[in-house]
Amino acid sequence: MIALDANVPVRFLVQDGPDQARIANALFDQLTDADPGFVSREVLVELVIEAADEVWQGVECYRTEGFGFADLMIAAAVRRSGARDLVTFDSKAARQPDVRLLIA
């Protein structure tokens, strides 16, 4: 098990700072059920993750489906709000369920 400071999952989730994001991505790719990452409650306090279950679903979809993480979190917020669908000009984001592409 490897313990993660708050800045590591932040780089992974936000993908800002390309060098640190790349390193965080590589680290997360190495984590497994047998060798997981440890996030202490103190780190969680720093992160203050709202709707953590949606975030972790988004992380998995980000890793496996190639959607932008922010787009996944926006779509999750839309579903939580009860809106019928999300409209966008972003053709990649529009591949998600209940996201509709606006065409000029």
N, C-alpha and C. Protein backbone atom coordinates (compact mmCIF):
# COMPACT_ATOMS: atom_id res chain seq x y z
N MET A 1 0.86 -1.17 0.00
CA MET A 1 0.00 0.00 0.00
C MET A 1 0.90 1.23 0.00
N ILE A 2 0.46 2.25 -0.73
CA ILE A 2 1.19 3.51 -0.77
C ILE A 2 0.24 4.63 -0.35
N ALA A 3 0.70 5.48 0.54
CA ALA A 3 -0.12 6.59 1.02
C ALA A 3 0.01 7.78 0.07
N LEU A 4 -1.10 8.46 -0.14
CA LEU A 4 -1.13 9.58 -1.07
C LEU A 4 -1.37 10.89 -0.33
N ASP A 5 -0.53 11.86 -0.56
CA ASP A 5 -0.77 13.22 -0.07
C ASP A 5 -1.85 13.83 -0.94
N ALA A 6 -2.52 14.84 -0.46
CA ALA A 6 -3.67 15.44 -1.16
C ALA A 6 -3.31 15.94 -2.55
N ASN A 7 -2.09 16.43 -2.74
CA ASN A 7 -1.75 16.99 -4.05
C ASN A 7 -1.66 15.93 -5.15
N VAL A 8 -1.46 14.67 -4.79
CA VAL A 8 -1.37 13.61 -5.81
C VAL A 8 -2.75 13.33 -6.42
N PRO A 9 -3.80 13.02 -5.63
CA PRO A 9 -5.11 12.83 -6.26
C PRO A 9 -5.64 14.11 -6.92
N VAL A 10 -5.25 15.27 -6.39
CA VAL A 10 -5.69 16.53 -7.04
C VAL A 10 -5.12 16.60 -8.45
N ARG A 11 -3.82 16.33 -8.61
CA ARG A 11 -3.21 16.36 -9.95
C ARG A 11 -3.90 15.34 -10.86
N PHE A 12 -4.22 14.16 -10.31
CA PHE A 12 -4.89 13.12 -11.09
C PHE A 12 -6.29 13.55 -11.52
N LEU A 13 -7.03 14.14 -10.61
CA LEU A 13 -8.41 14.52 -10.89
C LEU A 13 -8.51 15.76 -11.76
N VAL A 14 -7.69 16.74 -11.50
CA VAL A 14 -7.80 18.03 -12.18
C VAL A 14 -6.99 18.07 -13.47
N GLN A 15 -5.92 17.30 -13.53
CA GLN A 15 -5.04 17.24 -14.70
C GLN A 15 -4.43 18.59 -15.04
N ASP A 16 -4.14 19.39 -14.03
CA ASP A 16 -3.41 20.63 -14.27
C ASP A 16 -1.94 20.38 -13.96
N GLY A 17 -1.07 21.12 -14.56
CA GLY A 17 0.36 20.86 -14.41
C GLY A 17 0.71 19.57 -15.11
N PRO A 18 0.98 19.61 -16.41
CA PRO A 18 1.12 18.38 -17.21
C PRO A 18 2.13 17.38 -16.67
N ASP A 19 3.27 17.84 -16.16
CA ASP A 19 4.28 16.90 -15.67
C ASP A 19 3.79 16.15 -14.44
N GLN A 20 3.23 16.88 -13.48
CA GLN A 20 2.73 16.23 -12.27
C GLN A 20 1.49 15.38 -12.57
N ALA A 21 0.65 15.83 -13.48
CA ALA A 21 -0.53 15.04 -13.86
C ALA A 21 -0.10 13.72 -14.49
N ARG A 22 0.91 13.76 -15.35
CA ARG A 22 1.41 12.54 -16.00
C ARG A 22 1.94 11.56 -14.96
N ILE A 23 2.69 12.09 -13.99
CA ILE A 23 3.24 11.23 -12.93
C ILE A 23 2.12 10.65 -12.06
N ALA A 24 1.13 11.49 -11.72
CA ALA A 24 0.00 11.01 -10.92
C ALA A 24 -0.79 9.95 -11.69
N ASN A 25 -1.00 10.15 -12.99
CA ASN A 25 -1.70 9.16 -13.81
C ASN A 25 -0.96 7.82 -13.78
N ALA A 26 0.35 7.88 -13.95
CA ALA A 26 1.15 6.65 -13.94
C ALA A 26 1.05 5.95 -12.59
N LEU A 27 1.09 6.71 -11.52
CA LEU A 27 0.97 6.13 -10.19
C LEU A 27 -0.40 5.46 -10.01
N PHE A 28 -1.47 6.15 -10.40
CA PHE A 28 -2.81 5.58 -10.25
C PHE A 28 -2.98 4.33 -11.11
N ASP A 29 -2.33 4.30 -12.27
CA ASP A 29 -2.40 3.11 -13.12
C ASP A 29 -1.77 1.90 -12.45
N GLN A 30 -0.82 2.13 -11.53
CA GLN A 30 -0.13 1.03 -10.86
C GLN A 30 -0.90 0.51 -9.65
N LEU A 31 -1.87 1.26 -9.15
CA LEU A 31 -2.61 0.84 -7.96
C LEU A 31 -3.54 -0.32 -8.30
N THR A 32 -3.62 -1.27 -7.41
CA THR A 32 -4.47 -2.45 -7.60
C THR A 32 -5.17 -2.77 -6.29
N ASP A 33 -6.09 -3.72 -6.35
CA ASP A 33 -6.73 -4.18 -5.12
C ASP A 33 -5.69 -4.77 -4.15
N ALA A 34 -4.69 -5.45 -4.70
CA ALA A 34 -3.66 -6.05 -3.86
C ALA A 34 -2.65 -5.02 -3.35
N ASP A 35 -2.47 -3.94 -4.09
CA ASP A 35 -1.51 -2.89 -3.72
C ASP A 35 -2.19 -1.53 -3.92
N PRO A 36 -3.13 -1.19 -3.03
CA PRO A 36 -3.95 0.01 -3.22
C PRO A 36 -3.26 1.28 -2.75
N GLY A 37 -3.87 2.40 -3.09
CA GLY A 37 -3.46 3.68 -2.53
C GLY A 37 -4.22 3.92 -1.23
N PHE A 38 -3.59 4.59 -0.30
CA PHE A 38 -4.22 4.92 0.97
C PHE A 38 -4.45 6.42 1.03
N VAL A 39 -5.69 6.80 1.27
CA VAL A 39 -6.05 8.21 1.42
C VAL A 39 -6.55 8.38 2.84
N SER A 40 -5.77 9.08 3.64
CA SER A 40 -6.14 9.27 5.04
C SER A 40 -7.30 10.25 5.17
N ARG A 41 -7.94 10.24 6.31
CA ARG A 41 -9.04 11.18 6.54
C ARG A 41 -8.53 12.62 6.49
N GLU A 42 -7.29 12.83 6.89
CA GLU A 42 -6.72 14.18 6.82
C GLU A 42 -6.59 14.65 5.37
N VAL A 43 -6.22 13.73 4.49
CA VAL A 43 -6.15 14.07 3.07
C VAL A 43 -7.56 14.34 2.54
N LEU A 44 -8.53 13.53 2.96
CA LEU A 44 -9.91 13.78 2.54
C LEU A 44 -10.41 15.13 3.01
N VAL A 45 -10.01 15.53 4.21
CA VAL A 45 -10.41 16.85 4.71
C VAL A 45 -9.84 17.93 3.79
N GLU A 46 -8.61 17.75 3.34
CA GLU A 46 -8.02 18.72 2.41
C GLU A 46 -8.75 18.71 1.07
N LEU A 47 -9.14 17.53 0.61
CA LEU A 47 -9.78 17.42 -0.70
C LEU A 47 -11.24 17.87 -0.66
N VAL A 48 -11.95 17.54 0.41
CA VAL A 48 -13.39 17.82 0.56
C VAL A 48 -14.12 17.43 -0.72
N ILE A 49 -14.18 16.15 -0.97
CA ILE A 49 -14.82 15.64 -2.18
C ILE A 49 -16.32 15.54 -1.97
N GLU A 50 -17.04 16.32 -2.75
CA GLU A 50 -18.50 16.23 -2.74
C GLU A 50 -18.89 15.06 -3.64
N ALA A 51 -19.88 14.31 -3.24
CA ALA A 51 -20.40 13.19 -4.03
C ALA A 51 -19.26 12.25 -4.43
N ALA A 52 -18.53 11.76 -3.45
CA ALA A 52 -17.35 10.94 -3.70
C ALA A 52 -17.65 9.74 -4.60
N ASP A 53 -18.84 9.14 -4.45
CA ASP A 53 -19.16 7.98 -5.29
C ASP A 53 -19.19 8.37 -6.76
N GLU A 54 -19.70 9.55 -7.08
CA GLU A 54 -19.71 10.02 -8.46
C GLU A 54 -18.29 10.30 -8.95
N VAL A 55 -17.47 10.84 -8.07
CA VAL A 55 -16.09 11.13 -8.45
C VAL A 55 -15.36 9.84 -8.81
N TRP A 56 -15.49 8.81 -7.98
CA TRP A 56 -14.78 7.56 -8.26
C TRP A 56 -15.32 6.88 -9.51
N GLN A 57 -16.63 6.97 -9.76
CA GLN A 57 -17.18 6.45 -11.02
C GLN A 57 -16.61 7.22 -12.19
N GLY A 58 -16.52 8.55 -12.02
CA GLY A 58 -15.94 9.39 -13.07
C GLY A 58 -14.48 9.07 -13.32
N VAL A 59 -13.73 8.81 -12.26
CA VAL A 59 -12.32 8.45 -12.41
C VAL A 59 -12.20 7.18 -13.23
N GLU A 60 -13.01 6.19 -12.92
CA GLU A 60 -12.95 4.93 -13.66
C GLU A 60 -13.33 5.14 -15.12
N CYS A 61 -14.36 5.90 -15.37
CA CYS A 61 -14.78 6.17 -16.76
C CYS A 61 -13.71 7.00 -17.48
N TYR A 62 -13.10 7.93 -16.78
CA TYR A 62 -12.01 8.73 -17.35
C TYR A 62 -10.87 7.82 -17.78
N ARG A 63 -10.53 6.87 -16.94
CA ARG A 63 -9.41 5.97 -17.23
C ARG A 63 -9.74 5.00 -18.36
N THR A 64 -10.98 4.52 -18.44
CA THR A 64 -11.31 3.47 -19.39
C THR A 64 -11.95 3.97 -20.68
N GLU A 65 -12.66 5.09 -20.63
CA GLU A 65 -13.43 5.54 -21.79
C GLU A 65 -12.83 6.77 -22.47
N GLY A 66 -11.90 7.45 -21.81
CA GLY A 66 -11.23 8.58 -22.44
C GLY A 66 -11.97 9.90 -22.43
N PHE A 67 -13.04 10.00 -21.64
CA PHE A 67 -13.73 11.29 -21.53
C PHE A 67 -12.89 12.23 -20.67
N GLY A 68 -13.09 13.53 -20.84
CA GLY A 68 -12.46 14.49 -19.96
C GLY A 68 -13.08 14.40 -18.58
N PHE A 69 -12.24 14.48 -17.55
CA PHE A 69 -12.75 14.33 -16.19
C PHE A 69 -13.77 15.41 -15.85
N ALA A 70 -13.48 16.64 -16.23
CA ALA A 70 -14.43 17.73 -15.94
C ALA A 70 -15.77 17.46 -16.62
N ASP A 71 -15.74 16.95 -17.86
CA ASP A 71 -16.98 16.64 -18.57
C ASP A 71 -17.78 15.56 -17.83
N LEU A 72 -17.09 14.58 -17.30
CA LEU A 72 -17.77 13.52 -16.54
C LEU A 72 -18.41 14.07 -15.28
N MET A 73 -17.73 14.97 -14.60
CA MET A 73 -18.27 15.54 -13.37
C MET A 73 -19.44 16.48 -13.67
N ILE A 74 -19.38 17.20 -14.78
CA ILE A 74 -20.51 18.05 -15.19
C ILE A 74 -21.72 17.18 -15.47
N ALA A 75 -21.54 16.09 -16.21
CA ALA A 75 -22.66 15.19 -16.53
C ALA A 75 -23.24 14.58 -15.26
N ALA A 76 -22.39 14.22 -14.29
CA ALA A 76 -22.89 13.67 -13.03
C ALA A 76 -23.72 14.71 -12.28
N ALA A 77 -23.25 15.96 -12.27
CA ALA A 77 -24.00 17.03 -11.59
C ALA A 77 -25.35 17.25 -12.27
N VAL A 78 -25.37 17.15 -13.59
CA VAL A 78 -26.62 17.32 -14.34
C VAL A 78 -27.60 16.20 -13.98
N ARG A 79 -27.12 14.96 -13.94
CA ARG A 79 -28.00 13.84 -13.56
C ARG A 79 -28.54 14.05 -12.15
N ARG A 80 -27.68 14.48 -11.25
CA ARG A 80 -28.10 14.71 -9.86
C ARG A 80 -29.14 15.82 -9.77
N SER A 81 -29.06 16.79 -10.68
CA SER A 81 -30.00 17.91 -10.64
C SER A 81 -31.39 17.53 -11.13
N GLY A 82 -31.46 16.40 -11.86
CA GLY A 82 -32.75 15.98 -12.41
C GLY A 82 -33.03 16.55 -13.79
N ALA A 83 -32.06 17.27 -14.36
CA ALA A 83 -32.26 17.81 -15.72
C ALA A 83 -32.43 16.67 -16.70
N ARG A 84 -33.17 16.92 -17.76
CA ARG A 84 -33.46 15.89 -18.77
C ARG A 84 -32.20 15.47 -19.51
N ASP A 85 -31.40 16.44 -19.94
CA ASP A 85 -30.14 16.13 -20.60
C ASP A 85 -29.22 17.34 -20.52
N LEU A 86 -28.02 17.17 -21.01
CA LEU A 86 -27.01 18.21 -21.05
C LEU A 86 -26.73 18.51 -22.51
N VAL A 87 -26.68 19.77 -22.87
CA VAL A 87 -26.35 20.14 -24.24
C VAL A 87 -24.95 20.75 -24.26
N THR A 88 -24.23 20.47 -25.36
CA THR A 88 -22.85 20.92 -25.47
C THR A 88 -22.45 21.09 -26.93
N PHE A 89 -21.40 21.86 -27.14
CA PHE A 89 -20.77 21.95 -28.46
C PHE A 89 -19.57 21.01 -28.54
N ASP A 90 -19.25 20.32 -27.46
CA ASP A 90 -18.10 19.43 -27.37
C ASP A 90 -18.48 18.04 -27.85
N SER A 91 -18.01 17.68 -29.05
CA SER A 91 -18.42 16.39 -29.64
C SER A 91 -17.93 15.19 -28.83
N LYS A 92 -16.78 15.32 -28.18
CA LYS A 92 -16.29 14.21 -27.35
C LYS A 92 -17.18 14.02 -26.12
N ALA A 93 -17.52 15.12 -25.45
CA ALA A 93 -18.39 15.03 -24.27
C ALA A 93 -19.77 14.51 -24.65
N ALA A 94 -20.21 14.79 -25.87
CA ALA A 94 -21.55 14.39 -26.32
C ALA A 94 -21.67 12.88 -26.53
N ARG A 95 -20.58 12.15 -26.46
CA ARG A 95 -20.66 10.68 -26.57
C ARG A 95 -21.19 10.05 -25.28
N GLN A 96 -21.28 10.82 -24.21
CA GLN A 96 -21.80 10.31 -22.94
C GLN A 96 -23.32 10.15 -23.02
N PRO A 97 -23.87 9.24 -22.25
CA PRO A 97 -25.33 9.10 -22.19
C PRO A 97 -25.97 10.42 -21.72
N ASP A 98 -27.09 10.75 -22.28
CA ASP A 98 -27.87 11.93 -21.89
C ASP A 98 -27.15 13.25 -22.12
N VAL A 99 -26.17 13.25 -23.02
CA VAL A 99 -25.49 14.50 -23.42
C VAL A 99 -25.75 14.66 -24.92
N ARG A 100 -26.29 15.83 -25.26
CA ARG A 100 -26.70 16.06 -26.65
C ARG A 100 -25.81 17.12 -27.29
N LEU A 101 -25.30 16.82 -28.47
CA LEU A 101 -24.45 17.73 -29.21
C LEU A 101 -25.29 18.78 -29.92
N LEU A 102 -24.93 20.03 -29.74
CA LEU A 102 -25.55 21.12 -30.49
C LEU A 102 -24.71 21.35 -31.74
N ILE A 103 -25.37 21.37 -32.87
CA ILE A 103 -24.67 21.53 -34.14
C ILE A 103 -25.06 22.87 -34.74
N ALA A 104 -24.03 23.64 -35.11
CA ALA A 104 -24.26 24.97 -35.68
C ALA A 104 -24.80 24.87 -37.08
